[in-house]
């Protein structure tokens, strides 16, 4: 409706804080398992843990779904005739 004649965001900018090398080195880097570490973990879970834990870790590590999506599945979320499934809900959400 062109009620505002001038766009107020034209002159807006976000200030970025510059970090020193020391600050960058102090930040914690997320840890991931390498292939060999994952194989050792799954092998240990299979031989020294309960069988359903091994299956749970195997599914989580190779599909990328979250724990809440794995432990609280609902069949209406899955479309078996499509080439892939969309997982967009987790354990904390409640159906109305």
PDB file of N, CA and C in Angstrom:
ATOM      1  N   UNK A   1       0.822  -1.185   0.000  1.00  0.00           N
ATOM      2  CA  UNK A   1       0.000   0.000   0.000  1.00  0.00           C
ATOM      3  C   UNK A   1       0.872   1.259   0.000  1.00  0.00           C
ATOM      4  N   UNK A   2       2.177   1.102   0.117  1.00  0.00           N
ATOM      5  CA  UNK A   2       3.148   2.192   0.046  1.00  0.00           C
ATOM      6  C   UNK A   2       2.858   3.325   1.037  1.00  0.00           C
ATOM      7  N   UNK A   3       2.502   2.966   2.264  1.00  0.00           N
ATOM      8  CA  UNK A   3       2.235   3.973   3.288  1.00  0.00           C
ATOM      9  C   UNK A   3       3.539   4.536   3.842  1.00  0.00           C
ATOM     10  N   UNK A   4       4.580   3.735   3.900  1.00  0.00           N
ATOM     11  CA  UNK A   4       5.881   4.206   4.352  1.00  0.00           C
ATOM     12  C   UNK A   4       6.665   4.606   3.108  1.00  0.00           C
ATOM     13  N   UNK A   5       7.059   5.859   3.037  1.00  0.00           N
ATOM     14  CA  UNK A   5       7.730   6.374   1.843  1.00  0.00           C
ATOM     15  C   UNK A   5       9.175   5.912   1.731  1.00  0.00           C
ATOM     16  N   UNK A   6       9.852   5.742   2.875  1.00  0.00           N
ATOM     17  CA  UNK A   6      11.266   5.382   2.856  1.00  0.00           C
ATOM     18  C   UNK A   6      11.468   4.106   3.677  1.00  0.00           C
ATOM     19  N   UNK A   7      12.267   3.209   3.155  1.00  0.00           N
ATOM     20  CA  UNK A   7      12.554   1.956   3.840  1.00  0.00           C
ATOM     21  C   UNK A   7      13.544   2.201   4.982  1.00  0.00           C
ATOM     22  N   UNK A   8      13.145   2.008   6.251  1.00  0.00           N
ATOM     23  CA  UNK A   8      14.055   2.279   7.364  1.00  0.00           C
ATOM     24  C   UNK A   8      15.197   1.267   7.472  1.00  0.00           C
ATOM     25  N   UNK A   9      15.099   0.158   6.793  1.00  0.00           N
ATOM     26  CA  UNK A   9      16.169  -0.841   6.875  1.00  0.00           C
ATOM     27  C   UNK A   9      17.301  -0.575   5.900  1.00  0.00           C
ATOM     28  N   UNK A  10      17.184   0.417   5.043  1.00  0.00           N
ATOM     29  CA  UNK A  10      18.240   0.708   4.074  1.00  0.00           C
ATOM     30  C   UNK A  10      19.544   1.116   4.748  1.00  0.00           C
ATOM     31  N   UNK A  11      19.451   1.827   5.862  1.00  0.00           N
ATOM     32  CA  UNK A  11      20.666   2.283   6.541  1.00  0.00           C
ATOM     33  C   UNK A  11      21.027   1.405   7.743  1.00  0.00           C
ATOM     34  N   UNK A  12      20.241   0.360   8.003  1.00  0.00           N
ATOM     35  CA  UNK A  12      20.500  -0.513   9.151  1.00  0.00           C
ATOM     36  C   UNK A  12      21.632  -1.493   8.827  1.00  0.00           C
ATOM     37  N   UNK A  13      22.390  -1.823   9.847  1.00  0.00           N
ATOM     38  CA  UNK A  13      23.441  -2.824   9.693  1.00  0.00           C
ATOM     39  C   UNK A  13      23.624  -3.543  11.025  1.00  0.00           C
ATOM     40  N   UNK A  14      24.169  -4.729  10.962  1.00  0.00           N
ATOM     41  CA  UNK A  14      24.467  -5.506  12.157  1.00  0.00           C
ATOM     42  C   UNK A  14      25.941  -5.374  12.481  1.00  0.00           C
ATOM     43  N   UNK A  15      26.222  -5.035  13.715  1.00  0.00           N
ATOM     44  CA  UNK A  15      27.608  -4.907  14.136  1.00  0.00           C
ATOM     45  C   UNK A  15      28.155  -6.296  14.462  1.00  0.00           C
ATOM     46  N   UNK A  16      29.263  -6.615  13.870  1.00  0.00           N
ATOM     47  CA  UNK A  16      29.906  -7.891  14.141  1.00  0.00           C
ATOM     48  C   UNK A  16      31.106  -7.657  15.047  1.00  0.00           C
ATOM     49  N   UNK A  17      31.149  -8.409  16.135  1.00  0.00           N
ATOM     50  CA  UNK A  17      32.281  -8.306  17.046  1.00  0.00           C
ATOM     51  C   UNK A  17      33.444  -9.105  16.467  1.00  0.00           C
ATOM     52  N   UNK A  18      34.578  -8.476  16.388  1.00  0.00           N
ATOM     53  CA  UNK A  18      35.768  -9.165  15.906  1.00  0.00           C
ATOM     54  C   UNK A  18      36.385  -9.924  17.065  1.00  0.00           C
ATOM     55  N   UNK A  19      36.721 -11.185  16.811  1.00  0.00           N
ATOM     56  CA  UNK A  19      37.307 -12.026  17.846  1.00  0.00           C
ATOM     57  C   UNK A  19      38.804 -12.130  17.647  1.00  0.00           C
ATOM     58  N   UNK A  20      39.503 -12.201  18.757  1.00  0.00           N
ATOM     59  CA  UNK A  20      40.951 -12.384  18.688  1.00  0.00           C
ATOM     60  C   UNK A  20      41.253 -13.857  18.499  1.00  0.00           C
ATOM     61  N   UNK A  21      42.471 -14.166  18.162  1.00  0.00           N
ATOM     62  CA  UNK A  21      42.893 -15.555  17.972  1.00  0.00           C
ATOM     63  C   UNK A  21      42.735 -16.332  19.280  1.00  0.00           C
ATOM     64  N   UNK A  22      43.026 -15.688  20.397  1.00  0.00           N
ATOM     65  CA  UNK A  22      42.893 -16.345  21.693  1.00  0.00           C
ATOM     66  C   UNK A  22      41.440 -16.720  21.973  1.00  0.00           C
ATOM     67  N   UNK A  23      40.512 -15.832  21.619  1.00  0.00           N
ATOM     68  CA  UNK A  23      39.098 -16.123  21.824  1.00  0.00           C
ATOM     69  C   UNK A  23      38.643 -17.276  20.935  1.00  0.00           C
ATOM     70  N   UNK A  24      39.128 -17.303  19.702  1.00  0.00           N
ATOM     71  CA  UNK A  24      38.772 -18.396  18.794  1.00  0.00           C
ATOM     72  C   UNK A  24      39.315 -19.729  19.277  1.00  0.00           C
ATOM     73  N   UNK A  25      40.522 -19.711  19.847  1.00  0.00           N
ATOM     74  CA  UNK A  25      41.119 -20.949  20.346  1.00  0.00           C
ATOM     75  C   UNK A  25      40.412 -21.464  21.592  1.00  0.00           C
ATOM     76  N   UNK A  26      39.810 -20.562  22.383  1.00  0.00           N
ATOM     77  CA  UNK A  26      39.115 -20.965  23.602  1.00  0.00           C
ATOM     78  C   UNK A  26      37.750 -21.586  23.326  1.00  0.00           C
ATOM     79  N   UNK A  27      37.152 -21.285  22.179  1.00  0.00           N
ATOM     80  CA  UNK A  27      35.830 -21.822  21.867  1.00  0.00           C
ATOM     81  C   UNK A  27      35.900 -23.341  21.723  1.00  0.00           C
ATOM     82  N   UNK A  28      34.878 -23.983  22.254  1.00  0.00           N
ATOM     83  CA  UNK A  28      34.844 -25.441  22.196  1.00  0.00           C
ATOM     84  C   UNK A  28      34.324 -25.883  20.830  1.00  0.00           C
ATOM     85  N   UNK A  29      35.044 -26.771  20.218  1.00  0.00           N
ATOM     86  CA  UNK A  29      34.671 -27.300  18.913  1.00  0.00           C
ATOM     87  C   UNK A  29      33.784 -28.528  19.135  1.00  0.00           C
ATOM     88  N   UNK A  30      32.649 -28.644  18.419  1.00  0.00           N
ATOM     89  CA  UNK A  30      31.805 -29.821  18.598  1.00  0.00           C
ATOM     90  C   UNK A  30      32.568 -31.094  18.235  1.00  0.00           C
ATOM     91  N   UNK A  31      32.326 -32.128  18.995  1.00  0.00           N
ATOM     92  CA  UNK A  31      33.042 -33.377  18.768  1.00  0.00           C
ATOM     93  C   UNK A  31      32.165 -34.356  17.994  1.00  0.00           C
ATOM     94  N   UNK A  32      32.760 -34.969  17.016  1.00  0.00           N
ATOM     95  CA  UNK A  32      32.087 -35.965  16.207  1.00  0.00           C
ATOM     96  C   UNK A  32      32.928 -37.231  16.209  1.00  0.00           C
ATOM     97  N   UNK A  33      32.284 -38.344  15.967  1.00  0.00           N
ATOM     98  CA  UNK A  33      33.012 -39.607  15.883  1.00  0.00           C
ATOM     99  C   UNK A  33      33.532 -39.808  14.466  1.00  0.00           C
ATOM    100  N   UNK A  34      34.778 -40.192  14.374  1.00  0.00           N
ATOM    101  CA  UNK A  34      35.342 -40.587  13.077  1.00  0.00           C
ATOM    102  C   UNK A  34      34.812 -41.976  12.736  1.00  0.00           C
ATOM    103  N   UNK A  35      35.041 -42.438  11.491  1.00  0.00           N
ATOM    104  CA  UNK A  35      34.533 -43.740  11.063  1.00  0.00           C
ATOM    105  C   UNK A  35      34.999 -44.875  11.974  1.00  0.00           C
ATOM    106  N   UNK A  36      36.275 -44.882  12.289  1.00  0.00           N
ATOM    107  CA  UNK A  36      36.818 -45.939  13.144  1.00  0.00           C
ATOM    108  C   UNK A  36      36.255 -45.890  14.557  1.00  0.00           C
ATOM    109  N   UNK A  37      36.081 -44.676  15.072  1.00  0.00           N
ATOM    110  CA  UNK A  37      35.518 -44.519  16.414  1.00  0.00           C
ATOM    111  C   UNK A  37      34.056 -44.972  16.452  1.00  0.00           C
ATOM    112  N   UNK A  38      33.300 -44.643  15.396  1.00  0.00           N
ATOM    113  CA  UNK A  38      31.912 -45.078  15.317  1.00  0.00           C
ATOM    114  C   UNK A  38      31.825 -46.596  15.229  1.00  0.00           C
ATOM    115  N   UNK A  39      32.690 -47.201  14.422  1.00  0.00           N
ATOM    116  CA  UNK A  39      32.690 -48.661  14.303  1.00  0.00           C
ATOM    117  C   UNK A  39      33.003 -49.315  15.645  1.00  0.00           C
ATOM    118  N   UNK A  40      33.983 -48.783  16.369  1.00  0.00           N
ATOM    119  CA  UNK A  40      34.334 -49.323  17.687  1.00  0.00           C
ATOM    120  C   UNK A  40      33.172 -49.149  18.666  1.00  0.00           C
ATOM    121  N   UNK A  41      32.523 -47.980  18.644  1.00  0.00           N
ATOM    122  CA  UNK A  41      31.394 -47.725  19.530  1.00  0.00           C
ATOM    123  C   UNK A  41      30.250 -48.692  19.247  1.00  0.00           C
ATOM    124  N   UNK A  42      29.881 -48.862  17.963  1.00  0.00           N
ATOM    125  CA  UNK A  42      28.786 -49.764  17.614  1.00  0.00           C
ATOM    126  C   UNK A  42      29.130 -51.207  17.931  1.00  0.00           C
ATOM    127  N   UNK A  43      30.383 -51.592  17.711  1.00  0.00           N
ATOM    128  CA  UNK A  43      30.814 -52.948  18.026  1.00  0.00           C
ATOM    129  C   UNK A  43      30.735 -53.205  19.537  1.00  0.00           C
ATOM    130  N   UNK A  44      31.153 -52.231  20.318  1.00  0.00           N
ATOM    131  CA  UNK A  44      31.077 -52.354  21.772  1.00  0.00           C
ATOM    132  C   UNK A  44      29.625 -52.425  22.232  1.00  0.00           C
ATOM    133  N   UNK A  45      28.757 -51.600  21.638  1.00  0.00           N
ATOM    134  CA  UNK A  45      27.340 -51.627  21.999  1.00  0.00           C
ATOM    135  C   UNK A  45      26.704 -52.971  21.637  1.00  0.00           C
ATOM    136  N   UNK A  46      27.138 -53.564  20.529  1.00  0.00           N
ATOM    137  CA  UNK A  46      26.567 -54.838  20.108  1.00  0.00           C
ATOM    138  C   UNK A  46      27.004 -55.973  21.032  1.00  0.00           C
ATOM    139  N   UNK A  47      28.273 -56.008  21.397  1.00  0.00           N
ATOM    140  CA  UNK A  47      28.790 -57.143  22.156  1.00  0.00           C
ATOM    141  C   UNK A  47      28.695 -56.967  23.668  1.00  0.00           C
ATOM    142  N   UNK A  48      28.710 -55.750  24.162  1.00  0.00           N
ATOM    143  CA  UNK A  48      28.709 -55.529  25.608  1.00  0.00           C
ATOM    144  C   UNK A  48      27.445 -54.863  26.127  1.00  0.00           C
ATOM    145  N   UNK A  49      26.564 -54.447  25.256  1.00  0.00           N
ATOM    146  CA  UNK A  49      25.353 -53.753  25.686  1.00  0.00           C
ATOM    147  C   UNK A  49      24.119 -54.573  25.354  1.00  0.00           C
ATOM    148  N   UNK A  50      22.975 -53.980  25.565  1.00  0.00           N
ATOM    149  CA  UNK A  50      21.726 -54.631  25.226  1.00  0.00           C
ATOM    150  C   UNK A  50      21.464 -54.485  23.732  1.00  0.00           C
ATOM    151  N   UNK A  51      20.791 -55.465  23.160  1.00  0.00           N
ATOM    152  CA  UNK A  51      20.607 -55.503  21.711  1.00  0.00           C
ATOM    153  C   UNK A  51      19.854 -54.274  21.196  1.00  0.00           C
ATOM    154  N   UNK A  52      18.826 -53.820  21.908  1.00  0.00           N
ATOM    155  CA  UNK A  52      18.053 -52.679  21.406  1.00  0.00           C
ATOM    156  C   UNK A  52      18.857 -51.374  21.464  1.00  0.00           C
ATOM    157  N   UNK A  53      19.845 -51.284  22.345  1.00  0.00           N
ATOM    158  CA  UNK A  53      20.712 -50.099  22.351  1.00  0.00           C
ATOM    159  C   UNK A  53      21.563 -50.054  21.082  1.00  0.00           C
ATOM    160  N   UNK A  54      22.081 -51.204  20.677  1.00  0.00           N
ATOM    161  CA  UNK A  54      22.872 -51.254  19.443  1.00  0.00           C
ATOM    162  C   UNK A  54      22.029 -50.791  18.262  1.00  0.00           C
ATOM    163  N   UNK A  55      20.813 -51.299  18.155  1.00  0.00           N
ATOM    164  CA  UNK A  55      19.943 -50.919  17.045  1.00  0.00           C
ATOM    165  C   UNK A  55      19.610 -49.431  17.095  1.00  0.00           C
ATOM    166  N   UNK A  56      19.376 -48.910  18.299  1.00  0.00           N
ATOM    167  CA  UNK A  56      19.074 -47.492  18.441  1.00  0.00           C
ATOM    168  C   UNK A  56      20.259 -46.641  17.978  1.00  0.00           C
ATOM    169  N   UNK A  57      21.467 -46.961  18.442  1.00  0.00           N
ATOM    170  CA  UNK A  57      22.649 -46.193  18.054  1.00  0.00           C
ATOM    171  C   UNK A  57      22.932 -46.332  16.557  1.00  0.00           C
ATOM    172  N   UNK A  58      22.700 -47.498  16.008  1.00  0.00           N
ATOM    173  CA  UNK A  58      22.921 -47.717  14.573  1.00  0.00           C
ATOM    174  C   UNK A  58      21.981 -46.833  13.745  1.00  0.00           C
ATOM    175  N   UNK A  59      20.716 -46.813  14.117  1.00  0.00           N
ATOM    176  CA  UNK A  59      19.741 -45.989  13.397  1.00  0.00           C
ATOM    177  C   UNK A  59      20.075 -44.509  13.534  1.00  0.00           C
ATOM    178  N   UNK A  60      20.403 -44.078  14.756  1.00  0.00           N
ATOM    179  CA  UNK A  60      20.724 -42.666  14.975  1.00  0.00           C
ATOM    180  C   UNK A  60      21.955 -42.232  14.188  1.00  0.00           C
ATOM    181  N   UNK A  61      22.970 -43.092  14.137  1.00  0.00           N
ATOM    182  CA  UNK A  61      24.217 -42.687  13.491  1.00  0.00           C
ATOM    183  C   UNK A  61      24.130 -42.675  11.972  1.00  0.00           C
ATOM    184  N   UNK A  62      23.286 -43.500  11.382  1.00  0.00           N
ATOM    185  CA  UNK A  62      23.240 -43.558   9.923  1.00  0.00           C
ATOM    186  C   UNK A  62      22.073 -42.810   9.289  1.00  0.00           C
ATOM    187  N   UNK A  63      21.081 -42.383  10.083  1.00  0.00           N
ATOM    188  CA  UNK A  63      19.949 -41.676   9.486  1.00  0.00           C
ATOM    189  C   UNK A  63      19.957 -40.190   9.779  1.00  0.00           C
ATOM    190  N   UNK A  64      20.515 -39.779  10.915  1.00  0.00           N
ATOM    191  CA  UNK A  64      20.531 -38.375  11.272  1.00  0.00           C
ATOM    192  C   UNK A  64      19.278 -37.910  11.991  1.00  0.00           C
ATOM    193  N   UNK A  65      18.365 -38.828  12.312  1.00  0.00           N
ATOM    194  CA  UNK A  65      17.185 -38.400  13.060  1.00  0.00           C
ATOM    195  C   UNK A  65      17.564 -38.159  14.510  1.00  0.00           C
ATOM    196  N   UNK A  66      16.733 -37.421  15.207  1.00  0.00           N
ATOM    197  CA  UNK A  66      17.000 -37.096  16.604  1.00  0.00           C
ATOM    198  C   UNK A  66      16.444 -38.185  17.511  1.00  0.00           C
ATOM    199  N   UNK A  67      16.905 -38.190  18.756  1.00  0.00           N
ATOM    200  CA  UNK A  67      16.500 -39.216  19.711  1.00  0.00           C
ATOM    201  C   UNK A  67      14.988 -39.180  19.924  1.00  0.00           C
ATOM    202  N   UNK A  68      14.414 -37.990  20.062  1.00  0.00           N
ATOM    203  CA  UNK A  68      12.969 -37.874  20.270  1.00  0.00           C
ATOM    204  C   UNK A  68      12.162 -38.444  19.123  1.00  0.00           C
ATOM    205  N   UNK A  69      12.663 -38.326  17.911  1.00  0.00           N
ATOM    206  CA  UNK A  69      11.974 -38.886  16.745  1.00  0.00           C
ATOM    207  C   UNK A  69      12.070 -40.410  16.733  1.00  0.00           C
ATOM    208  N   UNK A  70      13.113 -40.937  17.321  1.00  0.00           N
ATOM    209  CA  UNK A  70      13.296 -42.387  17.340  1.00  0.00           C
ATOM    210  C   UNK A  70      12.476 -43.048  18.431  1.00  0.00           C
ATOM    211  N   UNK A  71      12.407 -42.441  19.602  1.00  0.00           N
ATOM    212  CA  UNK A  71      11.733 -43.096  20.724  1.00  0.00           C
ATOM    213  C   UNK A  71      10.231 -42.840  20.759  1.00  0.00           C
ATOM    214  N   UNK A  72       9.736 -41.894  19.997  1.00  0.00           N
ATOM    215  CA  UNK A  72       8.303 -41.605  20.002  1.00  0.00           C
ATOM    216  C   UNK A  72       7.753 -41.532  18.583  1.00  0.00           C
ATOM    217  N   UNK A  73       7.881 -42.616  17.801  1.00  0.00           N
ATOM    218  CA  UNK A  73       7.371 -42.562  16.422  1.00  0.00           C
ATOM    219  C   UNK A  73       5.845 -42.679  16.383  1.00  0.00           C
ATOM    220  N   UNK A  74       5.254 -42.050  15.407  1.00  0.00           N
ATOM    221  CA  UNK A  74       3.826 -42.193  15.140  1.00  0.00           C
ATOM    222  C   UNK A  74       3.694 -42.528  13.668  1.00  0.00           C
ATOM    223  N   UNK A  75       2.961 -43.566  13.373  1.00  0.00           N
ATOM    224  CA  UNK A  75       2.906 -44.070  11.999  1.00  0.00           C
ATOM    225  C   UNK A  75       2.291 -43.065  11.027  1.00  0.00           C
ATOM    226  N   UNK A  76       1.424 -42.160  11.497  1.00  0.00           N
ATOM    227  CA  UNK A  76       0.836 -41.201  10.562  1.00  0.00           C
ATOM    228  C   UNK A  76       1.852 -40.184  10.064  1.00  0.00           C
ATOM    229  N   UNK A  77       3.021 -40.103  10.699  1.00  0.00           N
ATOM    230  CA  UNK A  77       4.073 -39.188  10.240  1.00  0.00           C
ATOM    231  C   UNK A  77       4.843 -39.755   9.052  1.00  0.00           C
ATOM    232  N   UNK A  78       4.733 -41.038   8.821  1.00  0.00           N
ATOM    233  CA  UNK A  78       5.538 -41.684   7.791  1.00  0.00           C
ATOM    234  C   UNK A  78       4.678 -41.978   6.573  1.00  0.00           C
ATOM    235  N   UNK A  79       5.205 -41.637   5.410  1.00  0.00           N
ATOM    236  CA  UNK A  79       4.519 -41.912   4.158  1.00  0.00           C
ATOM    237  C   UNK A  79       5.327 -42.980   3.436  1.00  0.00           C
ATOM    238  N   UNK A  80       4.857 -44.196   3.503  1.00  0.00           N
ATOM    239  CA  UNK A  80       5.641 -45.324   3.012  1.00  0.00           C
ATOM    240  C   UNK A  80       5.743 -45.384   1.500  1.00  0.00           C
ATOM    241  N   UNK A  81       4.869 -44.707   0.787  1.00  0.00           N
ATOM    242  CA  UNK A  81       4.908 -44.770  -0.675  1.00  0.00           C
ATOM    243  C   UNK A  81       5.831 -43.728  -1.293  1.00  0.00           C
ATOM    244  N   UNK A  82       6.370 -42.827  -0.505  1.00  0.00           N
ATOM    245  CA  UNK A  82       7.278 -41.799  -1.015  1.00  0.00           C
ATOM    246  C   UNK A  82       8.720 -42.264  -0.844  1.00  0.00           C
ATOM    247  N   UNK A  83       9.645 -41.742  -1.668  1.00  0.00           N
ATOM    248  CA  UNK A  83      11.033 -42.207  -1.590  1.00  0.00           C
ATOM    249  C   UNK A  83      11.753 -41.821  -0.306  1.00  0.00           C
ATOM    250  N   UNK A  84      11.245 -40.865   0.455  1.00  0.00           N
ATOM    251  CA  UNK A  84      11.878 -40.480   1.714  1.00  0.00           C
ATOM    252  C   UNK A  84      10.802 -40.032   2.682  1.00  0.00           C
ATOM    253  N   UNK A  85      11.142 -40.034   3.955  1.00  0.00           N
ATOM    254  CA  UNK A  85      10.227 -39.605   5.003  1.00  0.00           C
ATOM    255  C   UNK A  85      10.691 -38.280   5.564  1.00  0.00           C
ATOM    256  N   UNK A  86       9.745 -37.425   5.898  1.00  0.00           N
ATOM    257  CA  UNK A  86      10.067 -36.156   6.539  1.00  0.00           C
ATOM    258  C   UNK A  86       9.790 -36.285   8.017  1.00  0.00           C
ATOM    259  N   UNK A  87      10.803 -36.025   8.835  1.00  0.00           N
ATOM    260  CA  UNK A  87      10.655 -36.070  10.286  1.00  0.00           C
ATOM    261  C   UNK A  87      10.646 -34.638  10.778  1.00  0.00           C
ATOM    262  N   UNK A  88       9.500 -34.175  11.240  1.00  0.00           N
ATOM    263  CA  UNK A  88       9.449 -32.786  11.664  1.00  0.00           C
ATOM    264  C   UNK A  88       8.852 -32.613  13.052  1.00  0.00           C
ATOM    265  N   UNK A  89       8.695 -33.669  13.790  1.00  0.00           N
ATOM    266  CA  UNK A  89       8.184 -33.563  15.143  1.00  0.00           C
ATOM    267  C   UNK A  89       9.080 -34.336  16.070  1.00  0.00           C
ATOM    268  N   UNK A  90       9.075 -33.951  17.344  1.00  0.00           N
ATOM    269  CA  UNK A  90       9.877 -34.690  18.294  1.00  0.00           C
ATOM    270  C   UNK A  90       9.068 -35.004  19.536  1.00  0.00           C
ATOM    271  N   UNK A  91       9.688 -35.580  20.517  1.00  0.00           N
ATOM    272  CA  UNK A  91       9.013 -36.071  21.703  1.00  0.00           C
ATOM    273  C   UNK A  91       8.358 -34.968  22.509  1.00  0.00           C
ATOM    274  N   UNK A  92       8.878 -33.757  22.470  1.00  0.00           N
ATOM    275  CA  UNK A  92       8.381 -32.685  23.313  1.00  0.00           C
ATOM    276  C   UNK A  92       7.104 -32.034  22.781  1.00  0.00           C
ATOM    277  N   UNK A  93       6.801 -32.227  21.525  1.00  0.00           N
ATOM    278  CA  UNK A  93       5.586 -31.636  20.974  1.00  0.00           C
ATOM    279  C   UNK A  93       4.403 -32.535  21.272  1.00  0.00           C
ATOM    280  N   UNK A  94       3.256 -31.904  21.532  1.00  0.00           N
ATOM    281  CA  UNK A  94       2.042 -32.676  21.804  1.00  0.00           C
ATOM    282  C   UNK A  94       1.072 -32.485  20.665  1.00  0.00           C
ATOM    283  N   UNK A  95       0.419 -33.576  20.283  1.00  0.00           N
ATOM    284  CA  UNK A  95      -0.601 -33.498  19.239  1.00  0.00           C
ATOM    285  C   UNK A  95      -1.883 -32.954  19.839  1.00  0.00           C
ATOM    286  N   UNK A  96      -2.572 -32.082  19.119  1.00  0.00           N
ATOM    287  CA  UNK A  96      -3.820 -31.504  19.626  1.00  0.00           C
ATOM    288  C   UNK A  96      -5.004 -32.278  19.112  1.00  0.00           C
TER     289      UNK A  96
END
